[in-house]
Amino acid sequence: MSAGKTHKTELVRFGVAMEGALLGELDALVEARGVTRSEVLRDLVRAEVTRSQARSKSPALGTLTLVYDHHVRDLSERLTEMQHALGDRVRSTLHVHLDAHTCLEVIIMFGQADELQDIADRALATKGVKQGGLELVLDAVWKHDHTHNHTSTPKRRS
């Protein structure tokens, strides 16, 4: 496949039956997003398929979002220790102070989907974590020696 071209798969049409009230809510979502019913349904199906594969051994990228009370005894230290125990599976973190008591932390991790889900479950169950969630991207591969190979050399101006 040459650069700039994408591989398209065949679209298949099918009928969906749902309650009128639910269809109304779907249409409100469609209008708010400025897309079609098909696009919204495809997004919902992709998300559900990903959730169903969260316990698979597929390689994955995970973003774990945690909102927590940093005044809970030893919580910050426990979360930091969890990350250090994961070693190079943690690729990056973002820490934001939301107010005098609350922090937001986003942890970007690579590994097997089931392992990332287990890590997230433990972190989310930690006393003092108020809320959060894990978003998985399946079949993601992290290349430590990531480089950009360009096929053409930019032309220099005279």
N, C-alpha and C. Protein backbone atom coordinates (compact mmCIF):
# COMPACT_ATOMS: atom_id res chain seq x y z
N MET A 1 0.84 -1.16 0.00
CA MET A 1 0.00 0.00 0.00
C MET A 1 0.89 1.23 0.00
N SER A 2 0.64 2.17 -0.88
CA SER A 2 1.49 3.35 -0.97
C SER A 2 1.07 4.39 0.06
N ALA A 3 2.01 5.29 0.36
CA ALA A 3 1.74 6.32 1.36
C ALA A 3 0.59 7.20 0.90
N GLY A 4 -0.24 7.59 1.86
CA GLY A 4 -1.34 8.49 1.54
C GLY A 4 -2.63 7.77 1.19
N LYS A 5 -2.57 6.48 0.91
CA LYS A 5 -3.78 5.73 0.59
C LYS A 5 -4.16 4.89 1.78
N THR A 6 -5.45 4.79 2.02
CA THR A 6 -5.92 3.97 3.13
C THR A 6 -6.67 2.77 2.59
N HIS A 7 -6.64 1.70 3.33
CA HIS A 7 -7.34 0.48 2.96
C HIS A 7 -8.78 0.58 3.45
N LYS A 8 -9.72 0.48 2.54
CA LYS A 8 -11.13 0.56 2.93
C LYS A 8 -11.73 -0.84 2.90
N THR A 9 -12.54 -1.11 3.92
CA THR A 9 -13.24 -2.37 3.94
C THR A 9 -14.67 -2.13 3.47
N GLU A 10 -15.27 -3.18 3.00
CA GLU A 10 -16.63 -3.10 2.49
C GLU A 10 -17.62 -2.80 3.61
N LEU A 11 -18.49 -1.84 3.36
CA LEU A 11 -19.55 -1.54 4.33
C LEU A 11 -20.71 -2.50 4.11
N VAL A 12 -21.29 -2.94 5.19
CA VAL A 12 -22.42 -3.86 5.14
C VAL A 12 -23.60 -3.17 5.80
N ARG A 13 -24.71 -3.13 5.12
CA ARG A 13 -25.92 -2.52 5.68
C ARG A 13 -26.73 -3.57 6.43
N PHE A 14 -27.32 -3.16 7.56
CA PHE A 14 -28.18 -4.06 8.33
C PHE A 14 -29.20 -3.21 9.07
N GLY A 15 -30.26 -3.84 9.50
CA GLY A 15 -31.31 -3.13 10.22
C GLY A 15 -31.13 -3.24 11.71
N VAL A 16 -31.53 -2.22 12.43
CA VAL A 16 -31.44 -2.21 13.88
C VAL A 16 -32.80 -1.80 14.42
N ALA A 17 -33.31 -2.55 15.37
CA ALA A 17 -34.58 -2.20 16.02
C ALA A 17 -34.28 -1.72 17.43
N MET A 18 -34.90 -0.60 17.82
CA MET A 18 -34.74 -0.10 19.19
C MET A 18 -35.97 0.72 19.56
N GLU A 19 -36.13 0.92 20.85
CA GLU A 19 -37.26 1.70 21.35
C GLU A 19 -37.18 3.12 20.80
N GLY A 20 -38.35 3.72 20.57
CA GLY A 20 -38.42 5.07 20.03
C GLY A 20 -37.69 6.09 20.88
N ALA A 21 -37.82 5.98 22.20
CA ALA A 21 -37.16 6.93 23.10
C ALA A 21 -35.63 6.82 22.98
N LEU A 22 -35.12 5.60 22.88
CA LEU A 22 -33.68 5.40 22.74
C LEU A 22 -33.20 5.94 21.39
N LEU A 23 -33.99 5.73 20.35
CA LEU A 23 -33.65 6.26 19.03
C LEU A 23 -33.61 7.79 19.08
N GLY A 24 -34.53 8.38 19.83
CA GLY A 24 -34.52 9.84 19.99
C GLY A 24 -33.24 10.32 20.65
N GLU A 25 -32.77 9.58 21.65
CA GLU A 25 -31.52 9.93 22.32
C GLU A 25 -30.33 9.76 21.38
N LEU A 26 -30.37 8.69 20.56
CA LEU A 26 -29.33 8.49 19.56
C LEU A 26 -29.31 9.66 18.58
N ASP A 27 -30.46 10.06 18.11
CA ASP A 27 -30.53 11.16 17.15
C ASP A 27 -30.04 12.48 17.76
N ALA A 28 -30.31 12.69 19.05
CA ALA A 28 -29.80 13.89 19.71
C ALA A 28 -28.27 13.86 19.76
N LEU A 29 -27.70 12.68 20.01
CA LEU A 29 -26.26 12.52 20.02
C LEU A 29 -25.68 12.76 18.63
N VAL A 30 -26.35 12.21 17.61
CA VAL A 30 -25.93 12.39 16.22
C VAL A 30 -25.90 13.88 15.88
N GLU A 31 -26.96 14.58 16.25
CA GLU A 31 -27.04 16.01 15.94
C GLU A 31 -25.96 16.79 16.69
N ALA A 32 -25.75 16.47 17.95
CA ALA A 32 -24.75 17.18 18.74
C ALA A 32 -23.35 16.98 18.17
N ARG A 33 -23.07 15.79 17.66
CA ARG A 33 -21.74 15.50 17.11
C ARG A 33 -21.60 15.94 15.66
N GLY A 34 -22.73 16.17 15.00
CA GLY A 34 -22.68 16.58 13.60
C GLY A 34 -22.24 15.46 12.68
N VAL A 35 -22.65 14.24 13.00
CA VAL A 35 -22.27 13.07 12.21
C VAL A 35 -23.53 12.29 11.84
N THR A 36 -23.35 11.07 11.36
CA THR A 36 -24.49 10.23 11.00
C THR A 36 -24.74 9.18 12.06
N ARG A 37 -25.91 8.56 12.01
CA ARG A 37 -26.20 7.44 12.91
C ARG A 37 -25.16 6.34 12.75
N SER A 38 -24.81 6.06 11.51
CA SER A 38 -23.83 5.00 11.24
C SER A 38 -22.50 5.27 11.93
N GLU A 39 -22.04 6.52 11.86
CA GLU A 39 -20.76 6.85 12.50
C GLU A 39 -20.84 6.67 14.01
N VAL A 40 -21.93 7.11 14.62
CA VAL A 40 -22.08 6.96 16.06
C VAL A 40 -22.15 5.48 16.43
N LEU A 41 -22.91 4.69 15.69
CA LEU A 41 -23.02 3.26 15.98
C LEU A 41 -21.67 2.56 15.81
N ARG A 42 -20.91 2.91 14.77
CA ARG A 42 -19.58 2.31 14.59
C ARG A 42 -18.68 2.63 15.79
N ASP A 43 -18.71 3.91 16.24
CA ASP A 43 -17.90 4.30 17.40
C ASP A 43 -18.30 3.51 18.64
N LEU A 44 -19.61 3.36 18.86
CA LEU A 44 -20.08 2.61 20.03
C LEU A 44 -19.68 1.15 19.96
N VAL A 45 -19.77 0.55 18.79
CA VAL A 45 -19.39 -0.86 18.64
C VAL A 45 -17.90 -1.03 18.86
N ARG A 46 -17.07 -0.15 18.28
CA ARG A 46 -15.62 -0.23 18.49
C ARG A 46 -15.28 -0.15 19.98
N ALA A 47 -15.92 0.79 20.68
CA ALA A 47 -15.67 0.95 22.12
C ALA A 47 -16.06 -0.30 22.89
N GLU A 48 -17.19 -0.89 22.55
CA GLU A 48 -17.65 -2.09 23.25
C GLU A 48 -16.77 -3.29 22.95
N VAL A 49 -16.32 -3.42 21.71
CA VAL A 49 -15.41 -4.51 21.34
C VAL A 49 -14.11 -4.37 22.13
N THR A 50 -13.59 -3.14 22.23
CA THR A 50 -12.37 -2.91 23.00
C THR A 50 -12.58 -3.28 24.46
N ARG A 51 -13.72 -2.85 25.05
CA ARG A 51 -14.00 -3.20 26.44
C ARG A 51 -14.07 -4.71 26.64
N SER A 52 -14.66 -5.42 25.67
CA SER A 52 -14.79 -6.87 25.81
C SER A 52 -13.45 -7.58 25.70
N GLN A 53 -12.47 -6.92 25.07
CA GLN A 53 -11.15 -7.53 24.92
C GLN A 53 -10.16 -7.06 25.98
N ALA A 54 -10.66 -6.34 26.98
CA ALA A 54 -9.78 -5.80 28.02
C ALA A 54 -9.10 -6.90 28.81
N ARG A 55 -9.62 -8.09 28.79
CA ARG A 55 -9.01 -9.20 29.52
C ARG A 55 -8.21 -10.12 28.58
N SER A 56 -7.93 -9.63 27.37
CA SER A 56 -7.16 -10.44 26.43
C SER A 56 -5.66 -10.21 26.64
N LYS A 57 -4.87 -11.01 25.98
CA LYS A 57 -3.42 -10.88 26.05
C LYS A 57 -2.90 -9.99 24.92
N SER A 58 -3.78 -9.25 24.26
CA SER A 58 -3.37 -8.38 23.16
C SER A 58 -2.45 -7.27 23.66
N PRO A 59 -1.46 -6.91 22.84
CA PRO A 59 -0.65 -5.75 23.21
C PRO A 59 -1.55 -4.52 23.20
N ALA A 60 -1.32 -3.63 24.16
CA ALA A 60 -2.20 -2.48 24.28
C ALA A 60 -1.47 -1.28 24.86
N LEU A 61 -2.02 -0.14 24.56
CA LEU A 61 -1.66 1.13 25.18
C LEU A 61 -2.81 1.45 26.12
N GLY A 62 -2.50 1.86 27.32
CA GLY A 62 -3.55 2.23 28.26
C GLY A 62 -3.30 3.61 28.83
N THR A 63 -4.37 4.39 28.94
CA THR A 63 -4.28 5.65 29.66
C THR A 63 -5.16 5.50 30.90
N LEU A 64 -4.53 5.53 32.04
CA LEU A 64 -5.23 5.41 33.32
C LEU A 64 -5.37 6.80 33.91
N THR A 65 -6.60 7.22 34.13
CA THR A 65 -6.88 8.52 34.72
C THR A 65 -7.35 8.31 36.15
N LEU A 66 -6.73 9.02 37.08
CA LEU A 66 -7.08 8.93 38.49
C LEU A 66 -7.34 10.33 39.03
N VAL A 67 -8.42 10.47 39.77
CA VAL A 67 -8.69 11.69 40.52
C VAL A 67 -8.67 11.26 41.98
N TYR A 68 -7.81 11.91 42.78
CA TYR A 68 -7.67 11.45 44.15
C TYR A 68 -7.40 12.58 45.12
N ASP A 69 -7.66 12.29 46.38
CA ASP A 69 -7.42 13.22 47.48
C ASP A 69 -5.99 12.99 47.96
N HIS A 70 -5.11 13.95 47.68
CA HIS A 70 -3.71 13.72 48.04
C HIS A 70 -3.44 13.87 49.53
N HIS A 71 -4.45 14.23 50.31
CA HIS A 71 -4.29 14.29 51.76
C HIS A 71 -4.54 12.94 52.43
N VAL A 72 -5.02 11.95 51.67
CA VAL A 72 -5.19 10.62 52.24
C VAL A 72 -3.80 10.07 52.53
N ARG A 73 -3.64 9.58 53.74
CA ARG A 73 -2.33 9.14 54.21
C ARG A 73 -1.65 8.16 53.26
N ASP A 74 -0.44 8.48 52.86
CA ASP A 74 0.45 7.65 52.04
C ASP A 74 -0.08 7.35 50.64
N LEU A 75 -1.18 7.98 50.22
CA LEU A 75 -1.74 7.65 48.90
C LEU A 75 -0.79 8.02 47.77
N SER A 76 -0.25 9.23 47.79
CA SER A 76 0.67 9.65 46.73
C SER A 76 1.86 8.70 46.64
N GLU A 77 2.38 8.31 47.79
CA GLU A 77 3.52 7.40 47.81
C GLU A 77 3.15 6.02 47.25
N ARG A 78 1.96 5.52 47.62
CA ARG A 78 1.53 4.22 47.12
C ARG A 78 1.34 4.25 45.60
N LEU A 79 0.77 5.32 45.08
CA LEU A 79 0.58 5.42 43.63
C LEU A 79 1.93 5.51 42.91
N THR A 80 2.86 6.25 43.50
CA THR A 80 4.20 6.35 42.91
C THR A 80 4.90 5.00 42.95
N GLU A 81 4.78 4.28 44.05
CA GLU A 81 5.39 2.95 44.15
C GLU A 81 4.81 1.99 43.12
N MET A 82 3.47 2.06 42.90
CA MET A 82 2.85 1.23 41.87
C MET A 82 3.49 1.48 40.51
N GLN A 83 3.69 2.76 40.21
CA GLN A 83 4.27 3.11 38.91
C GLN A 83 5.71 2.64 38.79
N HIS A 84 6.49 2.81 39.85
CA HIS A 84 7.88 2.36 39.82
C HIS A 84 7.96 0.84 39.66
N ALA A 85 7.04 0.12 40.27
CA ALA A 85 7.02 -1.35 40.15
C ALA A 85 6.73 -1.79 38.72
N LEU A 86 6.07 -0.94 37.95
CA LEU A 86 5.75 -1.28 36.56
C LEU A 86 6.92 -1.07 35.62
N GLY A 87 7.95 -0.39 36.08
CA GLY A 87 9.14 -0.20 35.28
C GLY A 87 8.87 0.53 33.98
N ASP A 88 9.44 -0.01 32.88
CA ASP A 88 9.33 0.68 31.60
C ASP A 88 7.97 0.52 30.94
N ARG A 89 7.04 -0.18 31.59
CA ARG A 89 5.67 -0.23 31.05
C ARG A 89 4.98 1.12 31.21
N VAL A 90 5.41 1.93 32.17
CA VAL A 90 4.90 3.29 32.31
C VAL A 90 5.75 4.18 31.40
N ARG A 91 5.10 4.78 30.44
CA ARG A 91 5.82 5.61 29.47
C ARG A 91 5.81 7.09 29.83
N SER A 92 4.74 7.54 30.49
CA SER A 92 4.64 8.94 30.85
C SER A 92 3.54 9.13 31.88
N THR A 93 3.65 10.20 32.66
CA THR A 93 2.59 10.56 33.59
C THR A 93 2.37 12.07 33.51
N LEU A 94 1.15 12.45 33.81
CA LEU A 94 0.78 13.86 33.91
C LEU A 94 0.11 14.04 35.26
N HIS A 95 0.58 15.01 36.01
CA HIS A 95 0.04 15.25 37.35
C HIS A 95 -0.43 16.70 37.40
N VAL A 96 -1.70 16.90 37.81
CA VAL A 96 -2.29 18.23 37.87
C VAL A 96 -2.95 18.42 39.23
N HIS A 97 -2.68 19.55 39.87
CA HIS A 97 -3.35 19.90 41.12
C HIS A 97 -4.66 20.59 40.76
N LEU A 98 -5.78 19.98 41.12
CA LEU A 98 -7.09 20.55 40.78
C LEU A 98 -7.55 21.56 41.80
N ASP A 99 -7.31 21.29 43.07
CA ASP A 99 -7.62 22.23 44.14
C ASP A 99 -6.73 21.88 45.33
N ALA A 100 -7.05 22.43 46.50
CA ALA A 100 -6.20 22.23 47.67
C ALA A 100 -6.10 20.77 48.12
N HIS A 101 -7.06 19.94 47.73
CA HIS A 101 -7.07 18.55 48.18
C HIS A 101 -7.01 17.52 47.06
N THR A 102 -7.33 17.92 45.85
CA THR A 102 -7.56 16.96 44.77
C THR A 102 -6.52 17.06 43.67
N CYS A 103 -6.04 15.89 43.24
CA CYS A 103 -5.10 15.80 42.12
C CYS A 103 -5.68 14.94 41.02
N LEU A 104 -5.26 15.22 39.82
CA LEU A 104 -5.58 14.41 38.65
C LEU A 104 -4.27 13.84 38.15
N GLU A 105 -4.25 12.55 37.89
CA GLU A 105 -3.06 11.94 37.34
C GLU A 105 -3.46 11.08 36.16
N VAL A 106 -2.71 11.22 35.06
CA VAL A 106 -2.90 10.40 33.88
C VAL A 106 -1.61 9.62 33.67
N ILE A 107 -1.74 8.31 33.60
CA ILE A 107 -0.58 7.43 33.47
C ILE A 107 -0.70 6.70 32.13
N ILE A 108 0.30 6.84 31.29
CA ILE A 108 0.31 6.17 29.99
C ILE A 108 1.18 4.93 30.12
N MET A 109 0.57 3.77 29.79
CA MET A 109 1.24 2.48 29.98
C MET A 109 1.14 1.63 28.72
N PHE A 110 2.11 0.74 28.54
CA PHE A 110 2.07 -0.27 27.49
C PHE A 110 2.19 -1.63 28.14
N GLY A 111 1.57 -2.63 27.50
CA GLY A 111 1.64 -3.99 28.01
C GLY A 111 0.51 -4.81 27.44
N GLN A 112 0.25 -5.95 28.06
CA GLN A 112 -0.89 -6.78 27.64
C GLN A 112 -2.15 -6.17 28.23
N ALA A 113 -3.23 -6.20 27.46
CA ALA A 113 -4.48 -5.58 27.89
C ALA A 113 -4.93 -6.09 29.25
N ASP A 114 -4.84 -7.39 29.48
CA ASP A 114 -5.30 -7.93 30.76
C ASP A 114 -4.46 -7.42 31.93
N GLU A 115 -3.15 -7.29 31.72
CA GLU A 115 -2.29 -6.77 32.78
C GLU A 115 -2.60 -5.30 33.07
N LEU A 116 -2.81 -4.52 32.02
CA LEU A 116 -3.14 -3.11 32.21
C LEU A 116 -4.47 -2.96 32.94
N GLN A 117 -5.44 -3.84 32.63
CA GLN A 117 -6.72 -3.79 33.31
C GLN A 117 -6.55 -4.12 34.79
N ASP A 118 -5.73 -5.12 35.10
CA ASP A 118 -5.47 -5.48 36.50
C ASP A 118 -4.81 -4.33 37.27
N ILE A 119 -3.84 -3.68 36.63
CA ILE A 119 -3.17 -2.53 37.24
C ILE A 119 -4.19 -1.43 37.52
N ALA A 120 -5.02 -1.15 36.54
CA ALA A 120 -6.04 -0.10 36.70
C ALA A 120 -7.01 -0.46 37.82
N ASP A 121 -7.44 -1.70 37.86
CA ASP A 121 -8.38 -2.13 38.91
C ASP A 121 -7.79 -1.90 40.29
N ARG A 122 -6.50 -2.25 40.46
CA ARG A 122 -5.85 -2.06 41.76
C ARG A 122 -5.73 -0.57 42.10
N ALA A 123 -5.32 0.23 41.14
CA ALA A 123 -5.15 1.66 41.39
C ALA A 123 -6.49 2.32 41.71
N LEU A 124 -7.53 1.96 40.96
CA LEU A 124 -8.85 2.57 41.18
C LEU A 124 -9.47 2.14 42.51
N ALA A 125 -9.07 0.99 43.03
CA ALA A 125 -9.59 0.49 44.30
C ALA A 125 -8.80 1.02 45.50
N THR A 126 -7.75 1.78 45.25
CA THR A 126 -6.91 2.30 46.32
C THR A 126 -7.66 3.37 47.11
N LYS A 127 -7.61 3.25 48.43
CA LYS A 127 -8.30 4.20 49.30
C LYS A 127 -7.83 5.62 49.00
N GLY A 128 -8.78 6.52 48.77
CA GLY A 128 -8.47 7.92 48.47
C GLY A 128 -8.66 8.27 47.01
N VAL A 129 -8.68 7.24 46.13
CA VAL A 129 -8.96 7.49 44.72
C VAL A 129 -10.46 7.70 44.59
N LYS A 130 -10.86 8.87 44.13
CA LYS A 130 -12.27 9.23 44.05
C LYS A 130 -12.95 8.68 42.80
N GLN A 131 -12.26 8.78 41.68
CA GLN A 131 -12.80 8.24 40.44
C GLN A 131 -11.71 8.16 39.41
N GLY A 132 -12.04 7.56 38.28
CA GLY A 132 -11.07 7.43 37.21
C GLY A 132 -11.50 6.33 36.27
N GLY A 133 -10.61 5.97 35.38
CA GLY A 133 -10.91 4.92 34.43
C GLY A 133 -9.72 4.62 33.55
N LEU A 134 -9.83 3.52 32.84
CA LEU A 134 -8.79 3.07 31.93
C LEU A 134 -9.34 3.09 30.52
N GLU A 135 -8.60 3.68 29.62
CA GLU A 135 -8.94 3.66 28.20
C GLU A 135 -7.86 2.84 27.52
N LEU A 136 -8.26 1.80 26.79
CA LEU A 136 -7.31 0.92 26.12
C LEU A 136 -7.35 1.11 24.62
N VAL A 137 -6.18 1.06 24.02
CA VAL A 137 -6.05 0.99 22.57
C VAL A 137 -5.38 -0.34 22.30
N LEU A 138 -6.13 -1.26 21.70
CA LEU A 138 -5.60 -2.62 21.49
C LEU A 138 -4.67 -2.68 20.29
N ASP A 139 -3.82 -3.68 20.31
CA ASP A 139 -2.85 -3.95 19.25
C ASP A 139 -1.88 -2.78 19.05
N ALA A 140 -1.68 -2.01 20.10
CA ALA A 140 -0.70 -0.92 20.04
C ALA A 140 0.67 -1.51 20.34
N VAL A 141 1.66 -1.09 19.60
CA VAL A 141 3.02 -1.58 19.80
C VAL A 141 3.91 -0.38 20.08
N TRP A 142 4.66 -0.46 21.17
CA TRP A 142 5.58 0.61 21.52
C TRP A 142 6.95 0.23 21.00
N LYS A 143 7.53 1.09 20.19
CA LYS A 143 8.87 0.85 19.67
C LYS A 143 9.82 1.80 20.38
N HIS A 144 10.70 1.23 21.17
CA HIS A 144 11.61 2.06 21.96
C HIS A 144 12.60 2.82 21.09
N ASP A 145 12.89 2.30 19.90
CA ASP A 145 13.84 2.96 19.01
C ASP A 145 13.09 3.70 17.90
N HIS A 146 11.98 4.30 18.26
CA HIS A 146 11.11 4.97 17.31
C HIS A 146 11.86 6.07 16.56
N THR A 147 11.84 5.98 15.24
CA THR A 147 12.41 7.03 14.40
C THR A 147 11.45 7.28 13.26
N HIS A 148 11.53 8.45 12.71
CA HIS A 148 10.73 8.79 11.54
C HIS A 148 11.62 8.66 10.32
N ASN A 149 11.27 7.74 9.44
CA ASN A 149 12.02 7.58 8.20
C ASN A 149 11.29 8.30 7.10
N HIS A 150 11.94 9.25 6.52
CA HIS A 150 11.34 10.03 5.45
C HIS A 150 11.87 9.52 4.11
N THR A 151 10.97 9.36 3.15
CA THR A 151 11.39 8.81 1.86
C THR A 151 11.91 9.87 0.92
N SER A 152 11.68 11.12 1.22
CA SER A 152 12.20 12.17 0.35
C SER A 152 12.94 13.21 1.19
N THR A 153 13.89 13.85 0.59
CA THR A 153 14.64 14.89 1.25
C THR A 153 14.00 16.23 0.91
N PRO A 154 13.75 17.07 1.89
CA PRO A 154 13.15 18.37 1.59
C PRO A 154 14.07 19.19 0.69
N LYS A 155 13.47 19.92 -0.24
CA LYS A 155 14.25 20.75 -1.14
C LYS A 155 14.67 22.01 -0.43
N ARG A 156 15.92 22.39 -0.64
CA ARG A 156 16.44 23.60 -0.03
C ARG A 156 16.16 24.79 -0.94
N ARG A 157 15.84 25.89 -0.34
CA ARG A 157 15.62 27.12 -1.11
C ARG A 157 16.95 27.77 -1.40
N SER A 158 17.07 28.32 -2.60
CA SER A 158 18.31 29.01 -2.97
C SER A 158 18.30 30.42 -2.49
